Every structure is written in structure tokens, then in C-alpha cells.
Amino acid sequence: MPDTFRNSVDAQVPRKLTDSTIGEDLQITGNVSSKGEIHLDGHVIGDVSCVALVLGETAKLEGNVTAEDVVIRGRLVGSVRALRVTLQSMAHVEGDLYHGSLALEQGAFFEGMSRHSDDPMSLASPASANGVVKASETTEIVDHRKDKPTHKFNRMLPESRSA
């Protein structure tokens, strides 16, 4: 089969979205978005938006996360809006979690507010181009927070001891 034919056929075949990896030696300043899964082992200063995020043990993220699934092993300073959030034992999170389900492993550090929502992805308040939220949007968020109780955590879970 001639190469020109094979290349034109390959271009028409839909490709599966692949995982993107931000390596341990990479630092990104700015927002990161993907239509697939992101494995973050490096350092990002900015917001991350994707289908699924895995924050590795060496990862540092200073920004907000919006994803369907979030697994955190590293350090996050910012808020998370996700259907499913898992803080594994090595996780260090300083920020608020808006989630459909939340799992915290023993040893995980979490300081912030946890809030369950049937649709956490829709809670994201849009900001203007300069990052300032309009007063009406702030009021809407405050009014919405009155609907459900909030829970604040500031505790590191002790390691289990075998007897």
C-alpha cells in the first residue's frame, strides 16, 4: 500500500485521547487544560482543567482544579471541583473541595472546607478577564452556601498502629 494512501487513511481515523504527563523536572506557569487525563509530577502555577487529574507524590500545584476525577498524592494549594476526589496518604491539600464523593486515606493532610454537591462542576463561578468576580456572582455563591452545612477540617490523621 502506498504511503500517501496510508497517511490519508490514518488522518481520518479518530484517535483515542491519550494521557498527558507533566514530568518532575517541568515547571509551568499558566493554566493547563486537556480533554483527557493529566498525570502531574512537576510544578504548575495556574489552574488545571481536564477529565481526570493524578497529582503525583512529587507534584506541586498552586491553582484550582476542575475535573471529573482527581487523585492527589502530592501538594495542592487551591480549590478542587470534581465528581470524585481522592486524597491519598501522601497528599497535602490546602484549599476547598467541592465534590460528589470524597475519600481520604489515613495520613493525608487536608486543611480547608469540604462541601458535597450533586453537581460540583457547575458551582464554578465565572470570573471576568481580569480575574475579578462580579458582585452578583459573589452573592449567588454566598446564598448557595446556606443550602448545605459546611465542614472544616484542620487535622492530620494519625498512622495506624498494629497491636
N, C-alpha and C. Protein backbone atom coordinates (compact mmCIF):
# COMPACT_ATOMS: atom_id res chain seq x y z
N MET A 1 0.85 -1.17 0.00
CA MET A 1 0.00 0.00 0.00
C MET A 1 0.90 1.24 0.00
N PRO A 2 0.65 2.22 -0.89
CA PRO A 2 1.49 3.41 -0.93
C PRO A 2 1.35 4.22 0.36
N ASP A 3 2.47 4.87 0.76
CA ASP A 3 2.49 5.67 1.98
C ASP A 3 1.50 6.82 1.94
N THR A 4 1.29 7.42 0.78
CA THR A 4 0.37 8.55 0.71
C THR A 4 -1.05 8.11 1.03
N PHE A 5 -1.42 6.89 0.59
CA PHE A 5 -2.76 6.38 0.90
C PHE A 5 -2.89 6.08 2.39
N ARG A 6 -1.87 5.43 2.96
CA ARG A 6 -1.90 5.08 4.37
C ARG A 6 -2.00 6.34 5.24
N ASN A 7 -1.23 7.38 4.93
CA ASN A 7 -1.27 8.62 5.70
C ASN A 7 -2.62 9.30 5.61
N SER A 8 -3.27 9.27 4.43
CA SER A 8 -4.57 9.93 4.32
C SER A 8 -5.64 9.15 5.07
N VAL A 9 -5.52 7.81 5.11
CA VAL A 9 -6.47 7.00 5.85
C VAL A 9 -6.26 7.21 7.35
N ASP A 10 -5.00 7.23 7.80
CA ASP A 10 -4.70 7.44 9.22
C ASP A 10 -5.24 8.77 9.71
N ALA A 11 -5.21 9.78 8.90
CA ALA A 11 -5.67 11.10 9.30
C ALA A 11 -7.19 11.12 9.52
N GLN A 12 -7.91 10.19 8.90
CA GLN A 12 -9.36 10.16 9.02
C GLN A 12 -9.83 9.29 10.18
N VAL A 13 -8.96 8.46 10.73
CA VAL A 13 -9.33 7.58 11.84
C VAL A 13 -9.32 8.38 13.13
N PRO A 14 -10.44 8.35 13.89
CA PRO A 14 -10.45 9.09 15.15
C PRO A 14 -9.44 8.50 16.11
N ARG A 15 -8.70 9.36 16.78
CA ARG A 15 -7.67 8.91 17.71
C ARG A 15 -8.19 8.96 19.13
N LYS A 16 -7.80 7.96 19.91
CA LYS A 16 -8.15 7.93 21.33
C LYS A 16 -7.33 9.01 22.04
N LEU A 17 -7.99 9.73 22.95
CA LEU A 17 -7.27 10.73 23.72
C LEU A 17 -6.27 10.03 24.62
N THR A 18 -5.06 10.54 24.65
CA THR A 18 -4.02 9.91 25.45
C THR A 18 -3.82 10.70 26.74
N ASP A 19 -3.14 10.06 27.67
CA ASP A 19 -2.78 10.72 28.91
C ASP A 19 -1.65 11.70 28.63
N SER A 20 -1.67 12.82 29.32
CA SER A 20 -0.59 13.80 29.23
C SER A 20 0.17 13.77 30.53
N THR A 21 1.49 13.81 30.45
CA THR A 21 2.32 13.77 31.65
C THR A 21 3.14 15.04 31.74
N ILE A 22 3.09 15.67 32.89
CA ILE A 22 3.94 16.82 33.19
C ILE A 22 5.00 16.29 34.14
N GLY A 23 6.20 16.13 33.61
CA GLY A 23 7.28 15.47 34.34
C GLY A 23 7.77 16.23 35.54
N GLU A 24 8.50 15.50 36.38
CA GLU A 24 9.02 16.00 37.64
C GLU A 24 9.93 17.21 37.45
N ASP A 25 10.64 17.27 36.33
CA ASP A 25 11.60 18.34 36.09
C ASP A 25 10.98 19.55 35.35
N LEU A 26 9.65 19.55 35.18
CA LEU A 26 8.99 20.61 34.42
C LEU A 26 8.18 21.51 35.32
N GLN A 27 8.33 22.83 35.13
CA GLN A 27 7.51 23.81 35.83
C GLN A 27 6.75 24.62 34.79
N ILE A 28 5.44 24.75 35.00
CA ILE A 28 4.59 25.50 34.10
C ILE A 28 3.96 26.65 34.89
N THR A 29 4.05 27.84 34.34
CA THR A 29 3.36 28.99 34.91
C THR A 29 2.28 29.37 33.91
N GLY A 30 1.04 29.17 34.30
CA GLY A 30 -0.10 29.41 33.40
C GLY A 30 -1.10 28.29 33.54
N ASN A 31 -2.25 28.49 32.97
CA ASN A 31 -3.31 27.49 33.07
C ASN A 31 -3.05 26.32 32.13
N VAL A 32 -3.46 25.13 32.57
CA VAL A 32 -3.28 23.90 31.80
C VAL A 32 -4.64 23.26 31.59
N SER A 33 -4.94 22.87 30.35
CA SER A 33 -6.21 22.17 30.10
C SER A 33 -5.98 21.03 29.13
N SER A 34 -6.80 19.99 29.30
CA SER A 34 -6.71 18.81 28.46
C SER A 34 -8.09 18.19 28.33
N LYS A 35 -8.35 17.55 27.21
CA LYS A 35 -9.61 16.83 27.02
C LYS A 35 -9.48 15.39 27.51
N GLY A 36 -8.32 15.06 28.04
CA GLY A 36 -8.07 13.72 28.56
C GLY A 36 -7.58 13.78 30.00
N GLU A 37 -6.74 12.82 30.34
CA GLU A 37 -6.21 12.69 31.70
C GLU A 37 -4.84 13.33 31.77
N ILE A 38 -4.55 13.98 32.90
CA ILE A 38 -3.24 14.58 33.13
C ILE A 38 -2.60 13.91 34.33
N HIS A 39 -1.35 13.49 34.15
CA HIS A 39 -0.52 12.99 35.25
C HIS A 39 0.49 14.09 35.54
N LEU A 40 0.38 14.69 36.71
CA LEU A 40 1.24 15.81 37.07
C LEU A 40 2.25 15.37 38.12
N ASP A 41 3.51 15.40 37.75
CA ASP A 41 4.58 15.09 38.68
C ASP A 41 5.46 16.31 38.92
N GLY A 42 5.31 17.35 38.09
CA GLY A 42 6.10 18.56 38.20
C GLY A 42 5.40 19.63 39.01
N HIS A 43 5.63 20.89 38.62
CA HIS A 43 5.13 22.05 39.37
C HIS A 43 4.32 22.93 38.41
N VAL A 44 3.07 23.18 38.77
CA VAL A 44 2.22 24.06 37.97
C VAL A 44 1.74 25.20 38.85
N ILE A 45 1.91 26.41 38.34
CA ILE A 45 1.36 27.60 38.99
C ILE A 45 0.29 28.12 38.04
N GLY A 46 -0.95 27.73 38.32
CA GLY A 46 -2.07 28.07 37.46
C GLY A 46 -3.17 27.05 37.64
N ASP A 47 -4.28 27.27 36.97
CA ASP A 47 -5.43 26.38 37.09
C ASP A 47 -5.30 25.20 36.13
N VAL A 48 -5.86 24.07 36.53
CA VAL A 48 -5.83 22.85 35.72
C VAL A 48 -7.26 22.41 35.46
N SER A 49 -7.57 22.16 34.20
CA SER A 49 -8.89 21.68 33.80
C SER A 49 -8.70 20.47 32.89
N CYS A 50 -9.32 19.34 33.25
CA CYS A 50 -9.18 18.12 32.46
C CYS A 50 -10.28 17.15 32.84
N VAL A 51 -10.27 15.98 32.21
CA VAL A 51 -11.24 14.94 32.55
C VAL A 51 -10.83 14.27 33.86
N ALA A 52 -9.55 13.95 33.98
CA ALA A 52 -9.04 13.29 35.18
C ALA A 52 -7.64 13.82 35.47
N LEU A 53 -7.36 14.02 36.76
CA LEU A 53 -6.05 14.51 37.18
C LEU A 53 -5.48 13.57 38.23
N VAL A 54 -4.23 13.16 38.01
CA VAL A 54 -3.48 12.41 39.01
C VAL A 54 -2.30 13.29 39.40
N LEU A 55 -2.30 13.73 40.65
CA LEU A 55 -1.24 14.57 41.17
C LEU A 55 -0.26 13.66 41.89
N GLY A 56 0.89 13.43 41.28
CA GLY A 56 1.88 12.50 41.83
C GLY A 56 2.52 12.99 43.11
N GLU A 57 3.28 12.12 43.76
CA GLU A 57 3.91 12.43 45.06
C GLU A 57 4.84 13.62 44.99
N THR A 58 5.51 13.83 43.87
CA THR A 58 6.46 14.94 43.74
C THR A 58 5.80 16.21 43.20
N ALA A 59 4.52 16.15 42.90
CA ALA A 59 3.82 17.26 42.26
C ALA A 59 3.52 18.39 43.22
N LYS A 60 3.55 19.60 42.67
CA LYS A 60 3.12 20.80 43.40
C LYS A 60 2.20 21.56 42.45
N LEU A 61 1.01 21.85 42.92
CA LEU A 61 0.03 22.61 42.12
C LEU A 61 -0.45 23.78 42.95
N GLU A 62 -0.24 24.98 42.43
CA GLU A 62 -0.73 26.20 43.06
C GLU A 62 -1.78 26.77 42.13
N GLY A 63 -3.02 26.35 42.32
CA GLY A 63 -4.11 26.78 41.47
C GLY A 63 -5.33 25.92 41.72
N ASN A 64 -6.36 26.19 40.96
CA ASN A 64 -7.62 25.47 41.11
C ASN A 64 -7.73 24.34 40.11
N VAL A 65 -8.46 23.29 40.49
CA VAL A 65 -8.63 22.12 39.64
C VAL A 65 -10.11 21.93 39.34
N THR A 66 -10.41 21.66 38.07
CA THR A 66 -11.75 21.27 37.66
C THR A 66 -11.59 20.00 36.83
N ALA A 67 -12.16 18.89 37.32
CA ALA A 67 -12.05 17.60 36.63
C ALA A 67 -13.13 16.67 37.15
N GLU A 68 -13.40 15.62 36.40
CA GLU A 68 -14.36 14.62 36.87
C GLU A 68 -13.76 13.79 37.99
N ASP A 69 -12.52 13.34 37.81
CA ASP A 69 -11.82 12.52 38.79
C ASP A 69 -10.51 13.19 39.18
N VAL A 70 -10.24 13.27 40.48
CA VAL A 70 -8.99 13.85 40.96
C VAL A 70 -8.41 12.93 42.02
N VAL A 71 -7.16 12.52 41.81
CA VAL A 71 -6.43 11.72 42.79
C VAL A 71 -5.20 12.53 43.17
N ILE A 72 -5.05 12.80 44.47
CA ILE A 72 -3.95 13.65 44.92
C ILE A 72 -3.03 12.86 45.83
N ARG A 73 -1.76 12.85 45.44
CA ARG A 73 -0.70 12.26 46.27
C ARG A 73 0.28 13.34 46.71
N GLY A 74 0.39 14.40 45.91
CA GLY A 74 1.35 15.47 46.16
C GLY A 74 0.73 16.65 46.88
N ARG A 75 1.24 17.85 46.57
CA ARG A 75 0.86 19.07 47.27
C ARG A 75 -0.03 19.94 46.38
N LEU A 76 -1.16 20.37 46.93
CA LEU A 76 -2.09 21.24 46.21
C LEU A 76 -2.47 22.41 47.10
N VAL A 77 -2.31 23.61 46.60
CA VAL A 77 -2.79 24.81 47.27
C VAL A 77 -3.78 25.45 46.32
N GLY A 78 -5.06 25.25 46.59
CA GLY A 78 -6.13 25.75 45.72
C GLY A 78 -7.37 24.91 45.90
N SER A 79 -8.42 25.27 45.18
CA SER A 79 -9.68 24.55 45.33
C SER A 79 -9.81 23.46 44.27
N VAL A 80 -10.66 22.48 44.58
CA VAL A 80 -10.94 21.37 43.65
C VAL A 80 -12.44 21.29 43.45
N ARG A 81 -12.84 21.16 42.19
CA ARG A 81 -14.24 20.91 41.84
C ARG A 81 -14.24 19.65 40.99
N ALA A 82 -14.77 18.56 41.57
CA ALA A 82 -14.71 17.28 40.88
C ALA A 82 -15.84 16.38 41.34
N LEU A 83 -16.21 15.45 40.47
CA LEU A 83 -17.22 14.47 40.84
C LEU A 83 -16.67 13.53 41.90
N ARG A 84 -15.42 13.10 41.73
CA ARG A 84 -14.78 12.18 42.66
C ARG A 84 -13.40 12.72 43.03
N VAL A 85 -13.14 12.83 44.35
CA VAL A 85 -11.85 13.31 44.84
C VAL A 85 -11.28 12.27 45.79
N THR A 86 -10.02 11.93 45.61
CA THR A 86 -9.33 11.01 46.50
C THR A 86 -8.04 11.67 46.98
N LEU A 87 -7.89 11.78 48.29
CA LEU A 87 -6.65 12.27 48.88
C LEU A 87 -5.92 11.05 49.43
N GLN A 88 -4.84 10.68 48.78
CA GLN A 88 -4.09 9.51 49.23
C GLN A 88 -3.17 9.89 50.38
N SER A 89 -2.55 8.90 50.99
CA SER A 89 -1.83 9.08 52.25
C SER A 89 -0.73 10.14 52.18
N MET A 90 -0.14 10.38 51.02
CA MET A 90 0.95 11.35 50.88
C MET A 90 0.43 12.76 50.55
N ALA A 91 -0.87 12.92 50.40
CA ALA A 91 -1.46 14.19 49.96
C ALA A 91 -1.30 15.29 51.01
N HIS A 92 -1.09 16.51 50.50
CA HIS A 92 -1.08 17.71 51.34
C HIS A 92 -1.92 18.74 50.59
N VAL A 93 -3.12 19.00 51.09
CA VAL A 93 -4.06 19.89 50.40
C VAL A 93 -4.43 21.04 51.32
N GLU A 94 -4.27 22.25 50.79
CA GLU A 94 -4.69 23.46 51.47
C GLU A 94 -5.66 24.16 50.53
N GLY A 95 -6.95 23.99 50.77
CA GLY A 95 -7.95 24.60 49.91
C GLY A 95 -9.28 23.90 50.07
N ASP A 96 -10.26 24.40 49.36
CA ASP A 96 -11.62 23.88 49.47
C ASP A 96 -11.89 22.80 48.44
N LEU A 97 -12.68 21.81 48.85
CA LEU A 97 -13.05 20.70 47.98
C LEU A 97 -14.56 20.72 47.75
N TYR A 98 -14.98 20.78 46.50
CA TYR A 98 -16.38 20.68 46.11
C TYR A 98 -16.49 19.39 45.32
N HIS A 99 -17.28 18.43 45.80
CA HIS A 99 -17.19 17.08 45.26
C HIS A 99 -18.53 16.36 45.31
N GLY A 100 -18.63 15.33 44.49
CA GLY A 100 -19.74 14.39 44.57
C GLY A 100 -19.42 13.31 45.57
N SER A 101 -18.17 12.85 45.58
CA SER A 101 -17.72 11.89 46.59
C SER A 101 -16.28 12.22 46.96
N LEU A 102 -15.93 11.95 48.21
CA LEU A 102 -14.61 12.27 48.74
C LEU A 102 -14.09 11.09 49.52
N ALA A 103 -12.84 10.72 49.25
CA ALA A 103 -12.17 9.66 50.00
C ALA A 103 -10.84 10.20 50.52
N LEU A 104 -10.62 10.03 51.82
CA LEU A 104 -9.36 10.45 52.44
C LEU A 104 -8.67 9.24 53.03
N GLU A 105 -7.46 8.99 52.60
CA GLU A 105 -6.70 7.89 53.17
C GLU A 105 -6.03 8.36 54.45
N GLN A 106 -5.75 7.40 55.31
CA GLN A 106 -5.07 7.70 56.56
C GLN A 106 -3.70 8.29 56.24
N GLY A 107 -3.36 9.39 56.92
CA GLY A 107 -2.08 10.06 56.69
C GLY A 107 -2.19 11.28 55.80
N ALA A 108 -3.29 11.43 55.09
CA ALA A 108 -3.49 12.60 54.22
C ALA A 108 -3.67 13.85 55.05
N PHE A 109 -3.11 14.97 54.58
CA PHE A 109 -3.29 16.26 55.25
C PHE A 109 -4.26 17.08 54.43
N PHE A 110 -5.29 17.62 55.08
CA PHE A 110 -6.29 18.44 54.41
C PHE A 110 -6.66 19.59 55.32
N GLU A 111 -6.48 20.80 54.83
CA GLU A 111 -6.90 21.99 55.56
C GLU A 111 -7.75 22.82 54.62
N GLY A 112 -9.02 22.94 54.94
CA GLY A 112 -9.93 23.70 54.10
C GLY A 112 -11.35 23.29 54.36
N MET A 113 -12.21 23.58 53.41
CA MET A 113 -13.62 23.27 53.54
C MET A 113 -13.97 22.15 52.55
N SER A 114 -14.75 21.21 53.01
CA SER A 114 -15.25 20.14 52.15
C SER A 114 -16.74 20.34 51.98
N ARG A 115 -17.19 20.30 50.74
CA ARG A 115 -18.62 20.51 50.51
C ARG A 115 -19.11 19.54 49.45
N HIS A 116 -20.06 18.70 49.84
CA HIS A 116 -20.67 17.75 48.91
C HIS A 116 -21.64 18.49 48.01
N SER A 117 -21.70 18.07 46.74
CA SER A 117 -22.64 18.65 45.79
C SER A 117 -23.01 17.58 44.78
N ASP A 118 -24.27 17.58 44.37
CA ASP A 118 -24.69 16.65 43.32
C ASP A 118 -24.08 17.02 41.98
N ASP A 119 -23.73 18.29 41.80
CA ASP A 119 -23.12 18.76 40.56
C ASP A 119 -22.02 19.77 40.87
N PRO A 120 -20.88 19.30 41.40
CA PRO A 120 -19.81 20.22 41.81
C PRO A 120 -19.19 20.98 40.65
N MET A 121 -19.28 20.44 39.45
CA MET A 121 -18.67 21.10 38.29
C MET A 121 -19.41 22.39 37.94
N SER A 122 -20.71 22.46 38.26
CA SER A 122 -21.48 23.65 37.89
C SER A 122 -21.34 24.76 38.92
N LEU A 123 -20.71 24.49 40.04
CA LEU A 123 -20.55 25.51 41.08
C LEU A 123 -19.49 26.53 40.74
N ALA A 124 -18.66 26.23 39.75
CA ALA A 124 -17.57 27.14 39.40
C ALA A 124 -18.13 28.50 39.01
N SER A 125 -17.71 29.53 39.71
CA SER A 125 -18.19 30.86 39.40
C SER A 125 -17.30 31.48 38.33
N PRO A 126 -17.88 31.95 37.24
CA PRO A 126 -17.09 32.53 36.18
C PRO A 126 -16.47 33.85 36.62
N ALA A 127 -15.22 34.05 36.27
CA ALA A 127 -14.54 35.30 36.58
C ALA A 127 -14.37 36.11 35.31
N SER A 128 -14.25 37.38 35.44
CA SER A 128 -14.03 38.23 34.27
C SER A 128 -12.60 38.06 33.81
N ALA A 129 -12.25 38.68 32.72
CA ALA A 129 -10.92 38.53 32.14
C ALA A 129 -9.81 38.94 33.11
N ASN A 130 -10.07 39.91 33.99
CA ASN A 130 -9.03 40.34 34.92
C ASN A 130 -9.08 39.56 36.23
N GLY A 131 -9.90 38.52 36.31
CA GLY A 131 -9.93 37.64 37.48
C GLY A 131 -10.81 38.15 38.60
N VAL A 132 -11.58 39.19 38.37
CA VAL A 132 -12.45 39.73 39.41
C VAL A 132 -13.85 39.17 39.23
N VAL A 133 -14.41 38.66 40.31
CA VAL A 133 -15.76 38.11 40.26
C VAL A 133 -16.75 39.25 40.48
N LYS A 134 -17.80 39.27 39.68
CA LYS A 134 -18.81 40.31 39.81
C LYS A 134 -19.57 40.15 41.12
N ALA A 135 -20.06 41.25 41.67
CA ALA A 135 -20.75 41.24 42.96
C ALA A 135 -21.95 40.31 42.95
N SER A 136 -22.71 40.27 41.86
CA SER A 136 -23.88 39.40 41.80
C SER A 136 -23.48 37.93 41.87
N GLU A 137 -22.34 37.57 41.29
CA GLU A 137 -21.87 36.19 41.35
C GLU A 137 -21.44 35.84 42.77
N THR A 138 -20.81 36.76 43.46
CA THR A 138 -20.41 36.52 44.84
C THR A 138 -21.63 36.30 45.72
N THR A 139 -22.64 37.12 45.53
CA THR A 139 -23.87 36.98 46.29
C THR A 139 -24.51 35.62 46.04
N GLU A 140 -24.49 35.18 44.79
CA GLU A 140 -25.09 33.89 44.46
C GLU A 140 -24.36 32.76 45.17
N ILE A 141 -23.06 32.83 45.23
CA ILE A 141 -22.29 31.79 45.89
C ILE A 141 -22.60 31.78 47.39
N VAL A 142 -22.63 32.94 48.01
CA VAL A 142 -22.91 33.02 49.43
C VAL A 142 -24.30 32.46 49.73
N ASP A 143 -25.29 32.83 48.91
CA ASP A 143 -26.64 32.32 49.11
C ASP A 143 -26.68 30.80 48.94
N HIS A 144 -25.92 30.27 47.99
CA HIS A 144 -25.90 28.84 47.72
C HIS A 144 -25.27 28.08 48.89
N ARG A 145 -24.30 28.67 49.53
CA ARG A 145 -23.62 28.01 50.64
C ARG A 145 -24.55 27.82 51.84
N LYS A 146 -25.61 28.60 51.93
CA LYS A 146 -26.53 28.46 53.04
C LYS A 146 -27.39 27.21 52.93
N ASP A 147 -27.43 26.61 51.72
CA ASP A 147 -28.26 25.44 51.48
C ASP A 147 -27.78 24.20 52.23
N LYS A 148 -26.47 24.03 52.33
CA LYS A 148 -25.92 22.83 52.95
C LYS A 148 -24.88 23.24 53.98
N PRO A 149 -24.75 22.46 55.03
CA PRO A 149 -23.74 22.80 56.04
C PRO A 149 -22.34 22.56 55.47
N THR A 150 -21.39 23.33 55.95
CA THR A 150 -20.01 23.14 55.54
C THR A 150 -19.26 22.50 56.69
N HIS A 151 -18.21 21.80 56.35
CA HIS A 151 -17.40 21.13 57.35
C HIS A 151 -15.97 21.59 57.15
N LYS A 152 -15.33 22.05 58.20
CA LYS A 152 -13.95 22.47 58.12
C LYS A 152 -13.07 21.41 58.77
N PHE A 153 -11.96 21.13 58.13
CA PHE A 153 -11.02 20.16 58.65
C PHE A 153 -9.67 20.83 58.80
N ASN A 154 -8.99 20.56 59.85
CA ASN A 154 -7.63 21.02 60.03
C ASN A 154 -6.93 20.00 60.91
N ARG A 155 -6.67 18.84 60.31
CA ARG A 155 -6.16 17.75 61.11
C ARG A 155 -5.39 16.80 60.23
N MET A 156 -4.30 16.29 60.75
CA MET A 156 -3.57 15.25 60.07
C MET A 156 -3.93 13.95 60.74
N LEU A 157 -4.39 12.99 59.97
CA LEU A 157 -4.81 11.72 60.54
C LEU A 157 -3.59 10.93 61.01
N PRO A 158 -3.66 10.31 62.17
CA PRO A 158 -2.52 9.52 62.67
C PRO A 158 -2.35 8.23 61.87
N GLU A 159 -1.14 7.77 61.82
CA GLU A 159 -0.87 6.49 61.17
C GLU A 159 -1.46 5.38 62.03
N SER A 160 -1.90 4.30 61.39
CA SER A 160 -2.45 3.19 62.16
C SER A 160 -1.30 2.45 62.87
N ARG A 161 -1.63 1.95 64.03
CA ARG A 161 -0.62 1.21 64.82
C ARG A 161 -1.14 -0.21 64.99
N SER A 162 -0.27 -1.14 64.71
CA SER A 162 -0.68 -2.53 64.90
C SER A 162 -0.45 -2.93 66.35
N ALA A 163 -1.41 -3.65 66.91
CA ALA A 163 -1.33 -4.02 68.33
C ALA A 163 -0.62 -5.33 68.52
